PDB file of N, CA and C in Angstrom:
ATOM      1  N   MET A   1       0.544  -0.988  -0.162  1.00  0.00           N
ATOM      2  CA  MET A   1       0.235   0.154  -0.009  1.00  0.00           C
ATOM      3  C   MET A   1       0.739   1.482  -0.032  1.00  0.00           C
ATOM      4  N   ASN A   2       0.320   2.262  -0.678  1.00  0.00           N
ATOM      5  CA  ASN A   2       1.276   3.112  -0.915  1.00  0.00           C
ATOM      6  C   ASN A   2       0.560   4.533  -0.488  1.00  0.00           C
ATOM      7  N   TYR A   3       1.446   5.592   0.155  1.00  0.00           N
ATOM      8  CA  TYR A   3       0.497   6.766   0.478  1.00  0.00           C
ATOM      9  C   TYR A   3       0.007   7.297  -0.785  1.00  0.00           C
ATOM     10  N   THR A   4       0.963   7.782  -1.681  1.00  0.00           N
ATOM     11  CA  THR A   4       0.284   8.397  -2.831  1.00  0.00           C
ATOM     12  C   THR A   4      -1.008   7.747  -3.584  1.00  0.00           C
ATOM     13  N   ALA A   5      -0.922   6.643  -3.387  1.00  0.00           N
ATOM     14  CA  ALA A   5      -1.847   5.871  -4.349  1.00  0.00           C
ATOM     15  C   ALA A   5      -3.321   5.627  -3.214  1.00  0.00           C
ATOM     16  N   LEU A   6      -3.093   5.834  -1.539  1.00  0.00           N
ATOM     17  CA  LEU A   6      -4.193   5.763  -0.834  1.00  0.00           C
ATOM     18  C   LEU A   6      -4.682   7.082  -0.149  1.00  0.00           C
ATOM     19  N   ILE A   7      -3.847   7.372   0.491  1.00  0.00           N
ATOM     20  CA  ILE A   7      -3.947   9.073   1.151  1.00  0.00           C
ATOM     21  C   ILE A   7      -3.877  10.123   0.729  1.00  0.00           C
ATOM     22  N   ARG A   8      -2.866  10.468  -0.028  1.00  0.00           N
ATOM     23  CA  ARG A   8      -2.997  11.813  -0.715  1.00  0.00           C
ATOM     24  C   ARG A   8      -4.012  12.393  -1.536  1.00  0.00           C
ATOM     25  N   PRO A   9      -4.931  10.996  -2.267  1.00  0.00           N
ATOM     26  CA  PRO A   9      -5.823  11.546  -3.125  1.00  0.00           C
ATOM     27  C   PRO A   9      -7.169  11.906  -2.542  1.00  0.00           C
ATOM     28  N   VAL A  10      -7.296  11.449  -1.117  1.00  0.00           N
ATOM     29  CA  VAL A  10      -8.230  11.513  -0.254  1.00  0.00           C
ATOM     30  C   VAL A  10      -8.322  12.840   0.314  1.00  0.00           C
ATOM     31  N   LEU A  11      -6.730  13.026   0.638  1.00  0.00           N
ATOM     32  CA  LEU A  11      -6.385  14.776   1.290  1.00  0.00           C
ATOM     33  C   LEU A  11      -6.897  15.720   0.061  1.00  0.00           C
ATOM     34  N   GLU A  12      -6.266  15.435  -1.148  1.00  0.00           N
ATOM     35  CA  GLU A  12      -6.523  16.505  -2.289  1.00  0.00           C
ATOM     36  C   GLU A  12      -7.793  16.569  -2.953  1.00  0.00           C
ATOM     37  N   TYR A  13      -8.495  15.484  -2.673  1.00  0.00           N
ATOM     38  CA  TYR A  13      -9.952  15.575  -3.262  1.00  0.00           C
ATOM     39  C   TYR A  13     -10.696  16.945  -3.148  1.00  0.00           C
ATOM     40  N   GLY A  14     -11.050  17.389  -4.096  1.00  0.00           N
ATOM     41  CA  GLY A  14     -11.926  18.967  -3.912  1.00  0.00           C
ATOM     42  C   GLY A  14     -11.080  20.459  -3.511  1.00  0.00           C
ATOM     43  N   TYR A  15      -9.601  20.114  -3.609  1.00  0.00           N
ATOM     44  CA  TYR A  15      -8.667  21.120  -3.116  1.00  0.00           C
ATOM     45  C   TYR A  15      -9.213  22.729  -3.741  1.00  0.00           C
ATOM     46  N   GLN A  16     -10.069  22.876  -4.833  1.00  0.00           N
ATOM     47  CA  GLN A  16     -10.471  23.682  -5.206  1.00  0.00           C
ATOM     48  C   GLN A  16     -11.524  24.574  -4.283  1.00  0.00           C
ATOM     49  N   ILE A  17     -12.293  23.703  -4.041  1.00  0.00           N
ATOM     50  CA  ILE A  17     -13.156  24.053  -2.953  1.00  0.00           C
ATOM     51  C   ILE A  17     -12.701  24.512  -1.663  1.00  0.00           C
ATOM     52  N   TYR A  18     -12.180  23.269  -0.992  1.00  0.00           N
ATOM     53  CA  TYR A  18     -11.817  23.628   0.272  1.00  0.00           C
ATOM     54  C   TYR A  18     -10.326  24.585   0.784  1.00  0.00           C
ATOM     55  N   GLN A  19      -9.744  24.942  -0.335  1.00  0.00           N
ATOM     56  CA  GLN A  19      -8.701  25.731  -0.203  1.00  0.00           C
ATOM     57  C   GLN A  19      -9.130  26.953   0.255  1.00  0.00           C
ATOM     58  N   VAL A  20     -10.425  27.465   0.260  1.00  0.00           N
ATOM     59  CA  VAL A  20     -10.812  28.356   0.871  1.00  0.00           C
ATOM     60  C   VAL A  20     -11.390  28.301   2.374  1.00  0.00           C
ATOM     61  N   ALA A  21     -11.039  27.013   3.241  1.00  0.00           N
ATOM     62  CA  ALA A  21     -11.388  26.898   4.608  1.00  0.00           C
ATOM     63  C   ALA A  21     -10.531  27.563   5.357  1.00  0.00           C
ATOM     64  N   SER A  22     -10.703  27.434   6.721  1.00  0.00           N
ATOM     65  CA  SER A  22      -9.744  28.252   7.729  1.00  0.00           C
ATOM     66  C   SER A  22      -8.550  27.506   7.831  1.00  0.00           C
ATOM     67  N   GLN A  23      -7.512  28.421   8.268  1.00  0.00           N
ATOM     68  CA  GLN A  23      -6.364  28.084   8.270  1.00  0.00           C
ATOM     69  C   GLN A  23      -6.363  26.630   9.271  1.00  0.00           C
ATOM     70  N   THR A  24      -7.126  26.653  10.243  1.00  0.00           N
ATOM     71  CA  THR A  24      -7.137  25.475  11.135  1.00  0.00           C
ATOM     72  C   THR A  24      -7.374  24.033  10.840  1.00  0.00           C
ATOM     73  N   ILE A  25      -8.526  23.870   9.529  1.00  0.00           N
ATOM     74  CA  ILE A  25      -8.534  23.118   8.929  1.00  0.00           C
ATOM     75  C   ILE A  25      -7.909  22.553   8.177  1.00  0.00           C
ATOM     76  N   LEU A  26      -6.715  23.678   7.284  1.00  0.00           N
ATOM     77  CA  LEU A  26      -6.134  23.395   6.341  1.00  0.00           C
ATOM     78  C   LEU A  26      -4.565  22.640   7.026  1.00  0.00           C
ATOM     79  N   ASN A  27      -4.492  22.830   8.243  1.00  0.00           N
ATOM     80  CA  ASN A  27      -3.541  22.872   9.208  1.00  0.00           C
ATOM     81  C   ASN A  27      -3.785  21.195   9.519  1.00  0.00           C
ATOM     82  N   LYS A  28      -4.987  21.062   9.835  1.00  0.00           N
ATOM     83  CA  LYS A  28      -5.307  19.447  10.345  1.00  0.00           C
ATOM     84  C   LYS A  28      -5.000  18.605   9.093  1.00  0.00           C
ATOM     85  N   LEU A  29      -5.422  18.996   7.833  1.00  0.00           N
ATOM     86  CA  LEU A  29      -4.624  18.141   6.810  1.00  0.00           C
ATOM     87  C   LEU A  29      -3.643  17.773   6.845  1.00  0.00           C
ATOM     88  N   GLU A  30      -2.891  19.045   6.853  1.00  0.00           N
ATOM     89  CA  GLU A  30      -1.157  18.908   7.052  1.00  0.00           C
ATOM     90  C   GLU A  30      -0.639  17.841   7.965  1.00  0.00           C
ATOM     91  N   ARG A  31      -1.349  18.135   9.086  1.00  0.00           N
ATOM     92  CA  ARG A  31      -1.226  17.230  10.336  1.00  0.00           C
ATOM     93  C   ARG A  31      -1.172  15.275   9.838  1.00  0.00           C
ATOM     94  N   VAL A  32      -2.282  15.455   9.286  1.00  0.00           N
ATOM     95  CA  VAL A  32      -2.938  13.852   8.488  1.00  0.00           C
ATOM     96  C   VAL A  32      -1.342  13.326   7.625  1.00  0.00           C
ATOM     97  N   GLN A  33      -1.262  14.441   6.738  1.00  0.00           N
ATOM     98  CA  GLN A  33      -0.023  14.167   5.791  1.00  0.00           C
ATOM     99  C   GLN A  33       1.259  14.076   6.727  1.00  0.00           C
ATOM    100  N   LEU A  34       1.383  14.671   7.377  1.00  0.00           N
ATOM    101  CA  LEU A  34       2.775  14.434   8.371  1.00  0.00           C
ATOM    102  C   LEU A  34       2.679  13.214   9.112  1.00  0.00           C
ATOM    103  N   SER A  35       1.510  12.923   9.689  1.00  0.00           N
ATOM    104  CA  SER A  35       1.541  11.508  10.355  1.00  0.00           C
ATOM    105  C   SER A  35       1.873  10.436   9.542  1.00  0.00           C
ATOM    106  N   ALA A  36       1.175  10.522   8.390  1.00  0.00           N
ATOM    107  CA  ALA A  36       1.398   9.215   7.346  1.00  0.00           C
ATOM    108  C   ALA A  36       3.011   9.291   6.847  1.00  0.00           C
ATOM    109  N   ALA A  37       3.530  10.733   6.711  1.00  0.00           N
ATOM    110  CA  ALA A  37       4.791  10.558   6.452  1.00  0.00           C
ATOM    111  C   ALA A  37       5.700  10.147   7.344  1.00  0.00           C
ATOM    112  N   ARG A  38       5.706  10.289   9.122  1.00  0.00           N
ATOM    113  CA  ARG A  38       6.168   9.861   9.895  1.00  0.00           C
ATOM    114  C   ARG A  38       6.235   8.511   9.953  1.00  0.00           C
ATOM    115  N   LYS A  39       5.070   7.651   9.816  1.00  0.00           N
ATOM    116  CA  LYS A  39       4.981   6.330   9.718  1.00  0.00           C
ATOM    117  C   LYS A  39       5.934   5.755   8.363  1.00  0.00           C
ATOM    118  N   ILE A  40       5.904   6.334   7.397  1.00  0.00           N
ATOM    119  CA  ILE A  40       6.731   6.247   6.230  1.00  0.00           C
ATOM    120  C   ILE A  40       8.121   6.028   6.794  1.00  0.00           C
ATOM    121  N   THR A  41       8.687   6.945   7.207  1.00  0.00           N
ATOM    122  CA  THR A  41       9.950   7.303   7.605  1.00  0.00           C
ATOM    123  C   THR A  41      10.520   6.544   8.738  1.00  0.00           C
ATOM    124  N   GLY A  42       9.304   6.469   9.492  1.00  0.00           N
ATOM    125  CA  GLY A  42       9.853   6.013  10.852  1.00  0.00           C
ATOM    126  C   GLY A  42      10.657   6.997  11.910  1.00  0.00           C
ATOM    127  N   LEU A  43      10.380   8.200  11.327  1.00  0.00           N
ATOM    128  CA  LEU A  43      10.925   9.036  12.128  1.00  0.00           C
ATOM    129  C   LEU A  43      10.021   9.358  13.630  1.00  0.00           C
ATOM    130  N   ARG A  44      10.495   9.987  14.498  1.00  0.00           N
ATOM    131  CA  ARG A  44       9.768  10.068  15.594  1.00  0.00           C
ATOM    132  C   ARG A  44       9.158  11.528  15.669  1.00  0.00           C
ATOM    133  N   SER A  45       8.595  12.280  16.417  1.00  0.00           N
ATOM    134  CA  SER A  45       7.593  13.205  16.480  1.00  0.00           C
ATOM    135  C   SER A  45       8.573  14.657  16.859  1.00  0.00           C
ATOM    136  N   CYS A  46       9.741  14.440  17.410  1.00  0.00           N
ATOM    137  CA  CYS A  46      10.489  15.386  17.495  1.00  0.00           C
ATOM    138  C   CYS A  46      11.450  15.954  16.389  1.00  0.00           C
ATOM    139  N   CYS A  47      11.330  15.466  15.224  1.00  0.00           N
ATOM    140  CA  CYS A  47      11.896  15.646  13.821  1.00  0.00           C
ATOM    141  C   CYS A  47      11.323  16.764  13.210  1.00  0.00           C
ATOM    142  N   PRO A  48      11.909  17.761  12.700  1.00  0.00           N
ATOM    143  CA  PRO A  48      11.006  18.913  12.061  1.00  0.00           C
ATOM    144  C   PRO A  48      10.378  18.169  10.942  1.00  0.00           C
ATOM    145  N   LYS A  49       9.155  19.249  10.704  1.00  0.00           N
ATOM    146  CA  LYS A  49       8.430  18.620   9.502  1.00  0.00           C
ATOM    147  C   LYS A  49       8.937  18.268   8.227  1.00  0.00           C
ATOM    148  N   ALA A  50       9.924  19.577   8.113  1.00  0.00           N
ATOM    149  CA  ALA A  50      10.512  19.657   6.794  1.00  0.00           C
ATOM    150  C   ALA A  50      11.493  18.563   6.620  1.00  0.00           C
ATOM    151  N   ILE A  51      12.151  17.846   7.603  1.00  0.00           N
ATOM    152  CA  ILE A  51      12.899  16.574   7.571  1.00  0.00           C
ATOM    153  C   ILE A  51      11.957  15.286   7.328  1.00  0.00           C
ATOM    154  N   VAL A  52      10.939  15.521   7.941  1.00  0.00           N
ATOM    155  CA  VAL A  52      10.354  14.241   7.542  1.00  0.00           C
ATOM    156  C   VAL A  52       9.404  14.188   6.237  1.00  0.00           C
ATOM    157  N   LEU A  53       9.054  15.284   5.604  1.00  0.00           N
ATOM    158  CA  LEU A  53       8.382  15.623   4.448  1.00  0.00           C
ATOM    159  C   LEU A  53       9.721  15.291   3.620  1.00  0.00           C
ATOM    160  N   PHE A  54      10.753  15.589   3.510  1.00  0.00           N
ATOM    161  CA  PHE A  54      12.093  15.298   2.934  1.00  0.00           C
ATOM    162  C   PHE A  54      12.480  13.803   2.674  1.00  0.00           C
ATOM    163  N   GLY A  55      12.270  13.303   3.926  1.00  0.00           N
ATOM    164  CA  GLY A  55      12.472  12.013   3.927  1.00  0.00           C
ATOM    165  C   GLY A  55      11.708  11.118   3.723  1.00  0.00           C
ATOM    166  N   ALA A  56      10.204  11.114   3.334  1.00  0.00           N
ATOM    167  CA  ALA A  56       9.543  10.292   2.426  1.00  0.00           C
ATOM    168  C   ALA A  56       9.198  10.888   1.183  1.00  0.00           C
ATOM    169  N   ASP A  57       9.953  12.015   0.473  1.00  0.00           N
ATOM    170  CA  ASP A  57       9.827  12.310  -0.746  1.00  0.00           C
ATOM    171  C   ASP A  57       8.613  12.894  -0.947  1.00  0.00           C
ATOM    172  N   LEU A  58       7.935  13.955  -0.321  1.00  0.00           N
ATOM    173  CA  LEU A  58       6.747  14.341  -0.412  1.00  0.00           C
ATOM    174  C   LEU A  58       6.813  15.733  -0.076  1.00  0.00           C
ATOM    175  N   GLN A  59       5.819  16.833  -0.848  1.00  0.00           N
ATOM    176  CA  GLN A  59       5.743  18.018  -0.739  1.00  0.00           C
ATOM    177  C   GLN A  59       4.525  18.300   0.193  1.00  0.00           C
ATOM    178  N   SER A  60       4.455  19.537   0.780  1.00  0.00           N
ATOM    179  CA  SER A  60       3.537  19.821   1.629  1.00  0.00           C
ATOM    180  C   SER A  60       1.956  19.893   1.020  1.00  0.00           C
ATOM    181  N   LEU A  61       1.290  19.822   1.520  1.00  0.00           N
ATOM    182  CA  LEU A  61      -0.194  19.920   0.910  1.00  0.00           C
ATOM    183  C   LEU A  61      -0.429  21.511   0.120  1.00  0.00           C
ATOM    184  N   SER A  62      -0.009  22.484   1.411  1.00  0.00           N
ATOM    185  CA  SER A  62       0.001  23.782   0.850  1.00  0.00           C
ATOM    186  C   SER A  62       0.668  24.192  -0.591  1.00  0.00           C
ATOM    187  N   LEU A  63       1.738  23.570  -0.627  1.00  0.00           N
ATOM    188  CA  LEU A  63       2.671  23.762  -1.841  1.00  0.00           C
ATOM    189  C   LEU A  63       1.705  22.867  -3.027  1.00  0.00           C
ATOM    190  N   ARG A  64       1.298  21.709  -2.981  1.00  0.00           N
ATOM    191  CA  ARG A  64       0.689  20.876  -3.906  1.00  0.00           C
ATOM    192  C   ARG A  64      -0.537  21.788  -4.337  1.00  0.00           C
ATOM    193  N   ARG A  65      -1.240  22.423  -3.210  1.00  0.00           N
ATOM    194  CA  ARG A  65      -2.664  23.003  -3.627  1.00  0.00           C
ATOM    195  C   ARG A  65      -2.214  24.118  -4.625  1.00  0.00           C
ATOM    196  N   GLN A  66      -1.119  25.139  -4.168  1.00  0.00           N
ATOM    197  CA  GLN A  66      -0.800  25.939  -5.152  1.00  0.00           C
ATOM    198  C   GLN A  66      -0.364  25.721  -6.457  1.00  0.00           C
ATOM    199  N   SER A  67       0.471  24.683  -6.677  1.00  0.00           N
ATOM    200  CA  SER A  67       0.738  23.961  -8.112  1.00  0.00           C
ATOM    201  C   SER A  67      -0.429  23.334  -8.810  1.00  0.00           C
ATOM    202  N   ASN A  68      -1.369  22.703  -8.225  1.00  0.00           N
ATOM    203  CA  ASN A  68      -2.210  22.125  -8.632  1.00  0.00           C
ATOM    204  C   ASN A  68      -3.534  23.489  -8.974  1.00  0.00           C
ATOM    205  N   SER A  69      -3.744  24.390  -8.235  1.00  0.00           N
ATOM    206  CA  SER A  69      -4.602  25.572  -8.603  1.00  0.00           C
ATOM    207  C   SER A  69      -3.964  26.195  -9.935  1.00  0.00           C
ATOM    208  N   ALA A  70      -2.778  26.212 -10.035  1.00  0.00           N
ATOM    209  CA  ALA A  70      -2.439  27.166 -11.203  1.00  0.00           C
ATOM    210  C   ALA A  70      -2.596  26.146 -12.377  1.00  0.00           C
ATOM    211  N   ARG A  71      -2.261  24.946 -12.033  1.00  0.00           N
ATOM    212  CA  ARG A  71      -2.400  24.131 -13.398  1.00  0.00           C
ATOM    213  C   ARG A  71      -4.053  23.735 -13.741  1.00  0.00           C
ATOM    214  N   TYR A  72      -4.934  23.980 -12.701  1.00  0.00           N
ATOM    215  CA  TYR A  72      -6.204  23.958 -12.919  1.00  0.00           C
ATOM    216  C   TYR A  72      -6.769  25.102 -13.828  1.00  0.00           C
ATOM    217  N   ILE A  73      -6.477  26.125 -13.000  1.00  0.00           N
ATOM    218  CA  ILE A  73      -6.787  27.208 -13.830  1.00  0.00           C
ATOM    219  C   ILE A  73      -6.291  27.452 -15.368  1.00  0.00           C
ATOM    220  N   ALA A  74      -5.122  27.260 -15.582  1.00  0.00           N
ATOM    221  CA  ALA A  74      -4.344  27.082 -17.220  1.00  0.00           C
ATOM    222  C   ALA A  74      -5.358  26.037 -17.738  1.00  0.00           C
ATOM    223  N   LYS A  75      -5.681  24.954 -17.219  1.00  0.00           N
ATOM    224  CA  LYS A  75      -6.542  23.780 -18.016  1.00  0.00           C
ATOM    225  C   LYS A  75      -7.912  24.410 -18.287  1.00  0.00           C
ATOM    226  N   LEU A  76      -8.375  25.060 -17.193  1.00  0.00           N
ATOM    227  CA  LEU A  76      -9.924  26.396 -17.540  1.00  0.00           C
ATOM    228  C   LEU A  76      -9.515  26.965 -18.643  1.00  0.00           C
ATOM    229  N   LYS A  77      -8.612  27.912 -18.491  1.00  0.00           N
ATOM    230  CA  LYS A  77      -8.536  28.757 -19.670  1.00  0.00           C
ATOM    231  C   LYS A  77      -8.287  28.106 -21.040  1.00  0.00           C
ATOM    232  N   SER A  78      -7.616  26.921 -21.114  1.00  0.00           N
ATOM    233  CA  SER A  78      -7.403  26.274 -22.552  1.00  0.00           C
ATOM    234  C   SER A  78      -8.746  25.663 -22.879  1.00  0.00           C
ATOM    235  N   LEU A  79     -10.086  25.821 -22.156  1.00  0.00           N
ATOM    236  CA  LEU A  79     -10.975  24.931 -22.849  1.00  0.00           C
ATOM    237  C   LEU A  79     -11.930  26.216 -23.561  1.00  0.00           C
ATOM    238  N   TRP A  80     -11.429  27.368 -23.326  1.00  0.00           N
ATOM    239  CA  TRP A  80     -11.930  28.454 -23.896  1.00  0.00           C
ATOM    240  C   TRP A  80     -13.279  28.612 -23.166  1.00  0.00           C
ATOM    241  N   SER A  81     -14.064  28.667 -24.413  1.00  0.00           N
ATOM    242  CA  SER A  81     -15.886  28.949 -23.902  1.00  0.00           C
ATOM    243  C   SER A  81     -16.440  27.715 -23.913  1.00  0.00           C
ATOM    244  N   PHE A  82     -15.808  26.633 -24.136  1.00  0.00           N
ATOM    245  CA  PHE A  82     -16.411  25.361 -23.916  1.00  0.00           C
ATOM    246  C   PHE A  82     -16.823  24.792 -22.486  1.00  0.00           C
ATOM    247  N   ASN A  83     -16.582  25.437 -21.591  1.00  0.00           N
ATOM    248  CA  ASN A  83     -16.908  25.427 -20.288  1.00  0.00           C
ATOM    249  C   ASN A  83     -17.395  26.548 -19.552  1.00  0.00           C
ATOM    250  N   ARG A  84     -18.333  26.157 -18.893  1.00  0.00           N
ATOM    251  CA  ARG A  84     -19.018  27.461 -18.184  1.00  0.00           C
ATOM    252  C   ARG A  84     -17.866  28.563 -17.230  1.00  0.00           C
ATOM    253  N   THR A  85     -17.214  27.482 -16.515  1.00  0.00           N
ATOM    254  CA  THR A  85     -16.233  28.277 -15.722  1.00  0.00           C
ATOM    255  C   THR A  85     -14.881  28.639 -16.601  1.00  0.00           C
ATOM    256  N   SER A  86     -14.737  27.859 -17.589  1.00  0.00           N
ATOM    257  CA  SER A  86     -13.681  28.484 -18.131  1.00  0.00           C
ATOM    258  C   SER A  86     -14.222  30.013 -18.924  1.00  0.00           C
ATOM    259  N   LYS A  87     -15.341  29.712 -19.327  1.00  0.00           N
ATOM    260  CA  LYS A  87     -15.781  31.077 -20.020  1.00  0.00           C
ATOM    261  C   LYS A  87     -15.790  32.589 -19.350  1.00  0.00           C
ATOM    262  N   PHE A  88     -16.028  32.278 -17.542  1.00  0.00           N
ATOM    263  CA  PHE A  88     -16.228  32.872 -16.826  1.00  0.00           C
ATOM    264  C   PHE A  88     -14.894  33.620 -16.306  1.00  0.00           C
ATOM    265  N   ILE A  89     -13.827  32.765 -16.570  1.00  0.00           N
ATOM    266  CA  ILE A  89     -12.412  33.182 -16.434  1.00  0.00           C
ATOM    267  C   ILE A  89     -12.268  34.210 -17.535  1.00  0.00           C
ATOM    268  N   LEU A  90     -12.502  33.350 -18.686  1.00  0.00           N
ATOM    269  CA  LEU A  90     -11.749  34.334 -19.684  1.00  0.00           C
ATOM    270  C   LEU A  90     -12.442  35.666 -19.877  1.00  0.00           C
ATOM    271  N   GLN A  91     -13.555  35.630 -19.707  1.00  0.00           N
ATOM    272  CA  GLN A  91     -14.167  37.370 -19.788  1.00  0.00           C
ATOM    273  C   GLN A  91     -14.220  37.895 -18.394  1.00  0.00           C
ATOM    274  N   TRP A  92     -13.818  37.315 -17.578  1.00  0.00           N
ATOM    275  CA  TRP A  92     -13.409  38.580 -16.079  1.00  0.00           C
ATOM    276  C   TRP A  92     -12.336  39.310 -16.303  1.00  0.00           C
ATOM    277  N   THR A  93     -12.634  40.555 -15.856  1.00  0.00           N
ATOM    278  CA  THR A  93     -11.463  41.499 -16.055  1.00  0.00           C
ATOM    279  C   THR A  93     -11.494  41.922 -14.576  1.00  0.00           C
ATOM    280  N   SER A  94     -10.284  42.709 -14.089  1.00  0.00           N
ATOM    281  CA  SER A  94      -9.559  43.026 -12.639  1.00  0.00           C
ATOM    282  C   SER A  94     -10.843  44.017 -12.192  1.00  0.00           C
ATOM    283  N   ASN A  95     -11.681  44.833 -12.988  1.00  0.00           N
ATOM    284  CA  ASN A  95     -12.199  45.620 -12.203  1.00  0.00           C
ATOM    285  C   ASN A  95     -13.630  45.124 -11.634  1.00  0.00           C
ATOM    286  N   GLN A  96     -13.875  43.588 -12.300  1.00  0.00           N
ATOM    287  CA  GLN A  96     -15.377  42.928 -11.820  1.00  0.00           C
ATOM    288  C   GLN A  96     -14.930  42.420 -10.080  1.00  0.00           C
ATOM    289  N   ARG A  97     -15.963  42.585  -9.456  1.00  0.00           N
ATOM    290  CA  ARG A  97     -15.873  42.217  -7.926  1.00  0.00           C
ATOM    291  C   ARG A  97     -15.850  40.538  -7.986  1.00  0.00           C
ATOM    292  N   LEU A  98     -15.244  39.605  -7.229  1.00  0.00           N
ATOM    293  CA  LEU A  98     -15.753  38.497  -7.049  1.00  0.00           C
ATOM    294  C   LEU A  98     -16.241  38.130  -5.534  1.00  0.00           C
ATOM    295  N   LYS A  99     -17.171  37.269  -5.353  1.00  0.00           N
ATOM    296  CA  LYS A  99     -17.897  37.084  -4.108  1.00  0.00           C
ATOM    297  C   LYS A  99     -16.643  36.945  -2.792  1.00  0.00           C
ATOM    298  N   LYS A 100     -16.488  37.216  -2.050  1.00  0.00           N
ATOM    299  CA  LYS A 100     -15.752  37.189  -0.920  1.00  0.00           C
ATOM    300  C   LYS A 100     -15.650  35.800  -0.421  1.00  0.00           C
ATOM    301  N   GLY A 101     -14.411  34.888  -0.760  1.00  0.00           N
ATOM    302  CA  GLY A 101     -14.231  33.711  -0.037  1.00  0.00           C
ATOM    303  C   GLY A 101     -14.920  32.876  -1.170  1.00  0.00           C
ATOM    304  N   SER A 102     -15.031  33.006  -2.344  1.00  0.00           N
ATOM    305  CA  SER A 102     -15.309  32.162  -3.251  1.00  0.00           C
ATOM    306  C   SER A 102     -13.876  31.656  -3.818  1.00  0.00           C
ATOM    307  N   PRO A 103     -13.876  30.079  -3.978  1.00  0.00           N
ATOM    308  CA  PRO A 103     -12.840  29.617  -4.523  1.00  0.00           C
ATOM    309  C   PRO A 103     -11.909  30.392  -5.694  1.00  0.00           C
ATOM    310  N   ILE A 104     -12.718  31.402  -6.546  1.00  0.00           N
ATOM    311  CA  ILE A 104     -11.713  31.822  -7.756  1.00  0.00           C
ATOM    312  C   ILE A 104     -11.189  33.127  -6.993  1.00  0.00           C
ATOM    313  N   GLY A 105     -12.310  33.730  -5.962  1.00  0.00           N
ATOM    314  CA  GLY A 105     -11.788  34.744  -5.655  1.00  0.00           C
ATOM    315  C   GLY A 105     -10.612  34.745  -4.887  1.00  0.00           C
ATOM    316  N   VAL A 106     -10.743  33.647  -4.062  1.00  0.00           N
ATOM    317  CA  VAL A 106      -9.479  33.161  -3.286  1.00  0.00           C
ATOM    318  C   VAL A 106      -8.371  32.817  -4.135  1.00  0.00           C
ATOM    319  N   MET A 107      -8.287  32.447  -5.085  1.00  0.00           N
ATOM    320  CA  MET A 107      -7.158  31.833  -5.975  1.00  0.00           C
ATOM    321  C   MET A 107      -6.718  33.419  -6.879  1.00  0.00           C
ATOM    322  N   TRP A 108      -7.577  34.151  -7.029  1.00  0.00           N
ATOM    323  CA  TRP A 108      -7.139  35.715  -7.464  1.00  0.00           C
ATOM    324  C   TRP A 108      -6.337  35.979  -6.609  1.00  0.00           C
ATOM    325  N   LYS A 109      -6.839  36.041  -5.241  1.00  0.00           N
ATOM    326  CA  LYS A 109      -6.318  36.866  -4.179  1.00  0.00           C
ATOM    327  C   LYS A 109      -4.698  36.272  -3.744  1.00  0.00           C
ATOM    328  N   ARG A 110      -4.726  35.306  -3.627  1.00  0.00           N
ATOM    329  CA  ARG A 110      -3.299  34.528  -3.546  1.00  0.00           C
ATOM    330  C   ARG A 110      -2.527  34.583  -4.522  1.00  0.00           C
ATOM    331  N   GLY A 111      -3.026  35.188  -5.648  1.00  0.00           N
ATOM    332  CA  GLY A 111      -2.076  35.408  -6.958  1.00  0.00           C
ATOM    333  C   GLY A 111      -1.954  33.769  -7.664  1.00  0.00           C
ATOM    334  N   PHE A 112      -2.844  33.212  -7.490  1.00  0.00           N
ATOM    335  CA  PHE A 112      -2.763  32.153  -8.911  1.00  0.00           C
ATOM    336  C   PHE A 112      -3.083  32.359 -10.253  1.00  0.00           C
ATOM    337  N   LEU A 113      -4.255  33.442 -10.239  1.00  0.00           N
ATOM    338  CA  LEU A 113      -4.827  33.901 -11.159  1.00  0.00           C
ATOM    339  C   LEU A 113      -3.787  34.640 -11.846  1.00  0.00           C
ATOM    340  N   ASP A 114      -3.570  34.386 -13.058  1.00  0.00           N
ATOM    341  CA  ASP A 114      -2.831  35.639 -14.139  1.00  0.00           C
ATOM    342  C   ASP A 114      -3.073  35.485 -15.102  1.00  0.00           C
ATOM    343  N   PHE A 115      -4.100  36.695 -15.588  1.00  0.00           N
ATOM    344  CA  PHE A 115      -4.211  37.132 -16.560  1.00  0.00           C
ATOM    345  C   PHE A 115      -3.572  37.558 -17.820  1.00  0.00           C
ATOM    346  N   ASN A 116      -2.338  37.547 -17.699  1.00  0.00           N
ATOM    347  CA  ASN A 116      -1.630  38.265 -18.684  1.00  0.00           C
ATOM    348  C   ASN A 116      -0.763  37.379 -19.538  1.00  0.00           C
ATOM    349  N   PHE A 117      -0.967  36.040 -19.506  1.00  0.00           N
ATOM    350  CA  PHE A 117      -0.521  34.923 -20.464  1.00  0.00           C
ATOM    351  C   PHE A 117      -1.492  34.632 -21.341  1.00  0.00           C
ATOM    352  N   GLU A 118      -1.387  34.175 -22.544  1.00  0.00           N
ATOM    353  CA  GLU A 118      -2.144  33.538 -23.581  1.00  0.00           C
ATOM    354  C   GLU A 118      -2.366  32.186 -23.489  1.00  0.00           C
ATOM    355  N   PRO A 119      -3.816  32.084 -23.165  1.00  0.00           N
ATOM    356  CA  PRO A 119      -4.130  30.429 -23.057  1.00  0.00           C
ATOM    357  C   PRO A 119      -3.830  29.816 -24.190  1.00  0.00           C
ATOM    358  N   CYS A 120      -3.393  28.636 -23.989  1.00  0.00           N
ATOM    359  CA  CYS A 120      -2.907  27.418 -25.081  1.00  0.00           C
ATOM    360  C   CYS A 120      -3.685  26.289 -25.030  1.00  0.00           C
ATOM    361  N   ILE A 121      -3.987  25.382 -26.253  1.00  0.00           N
ATOM    362  CA  ILE A 121      -5.190  24.481 -26.566  1.00  0.00           C
ATOM    363  C   ILE A 121      -3.983  23.275 -25.852  1.00  0.00           C
ATOM    364  N   LEU A 122      -4.931  22.495 -25.004  1.00  0.00           N
ATOM    365  CA  LEU A 122      -4.266  21.157 -24.610  1.00  0.00           C
ATOM    366  C   LEU A 122      -4.787  20.384 -25.582  1.00  0.00           C
ATOM    367  N   LEU A 123      -3.573  19.360 -26.384  1.00  0.00           N
ATOM    368  CA  LEU A 123      -3.988  18.323 -27.146  1.00  0.00           C
ATOM    369  C   LEU A 123      -3.911  17.234 -26.371  1.00  0.00           C
ATOM    370  N   ALA A 124      -4.469  16.179 -26.581  1.00  0.00           N
ATOM    371  CA  ALA A 124      -4.429  15.046 -26.408  1.00  0.00           C
ATOM    372  C   ALA A 124      -3.169  14.038 -27.443  1.00  0.00           C
ATOM    373  N   ALA A 125      -2.102  13.251 -26.900  1.00  0.00           N
ATOM    374  CA  ALA A 125      -0.913  13.116 -27.594  1.00  0.00           C
ATOM    375  C   ALA A 125      -1.392  11.531 -28.161  1.00  0.00           C
TER     376      ALA A 125
END
């Protein structure tokens, strides 16, 4: 049984929605990952988090959320107007207001949305 096959998909499922959760909830998810990493590596609780994650060859969930959010937005932009969310993002301008606490609003506030690059179309290989 593997962490990346069993635990991480459960922790990351729906990250686009729960990334607007409170920091305490996100920290609880990080603790679940850290607990699994400690069991993988056999390191004790006195070891720093960074060493445990490095030993298990894992990234923190917050870092993975950032990279996955950027990838998700890039994919949505590449869908052009074939998808409702993609159409909204492509037509959105910086002077429009987003609902406070909405997932897209949080991504924009944290700098995940960059409207200064040209969308590309993803082709299946």
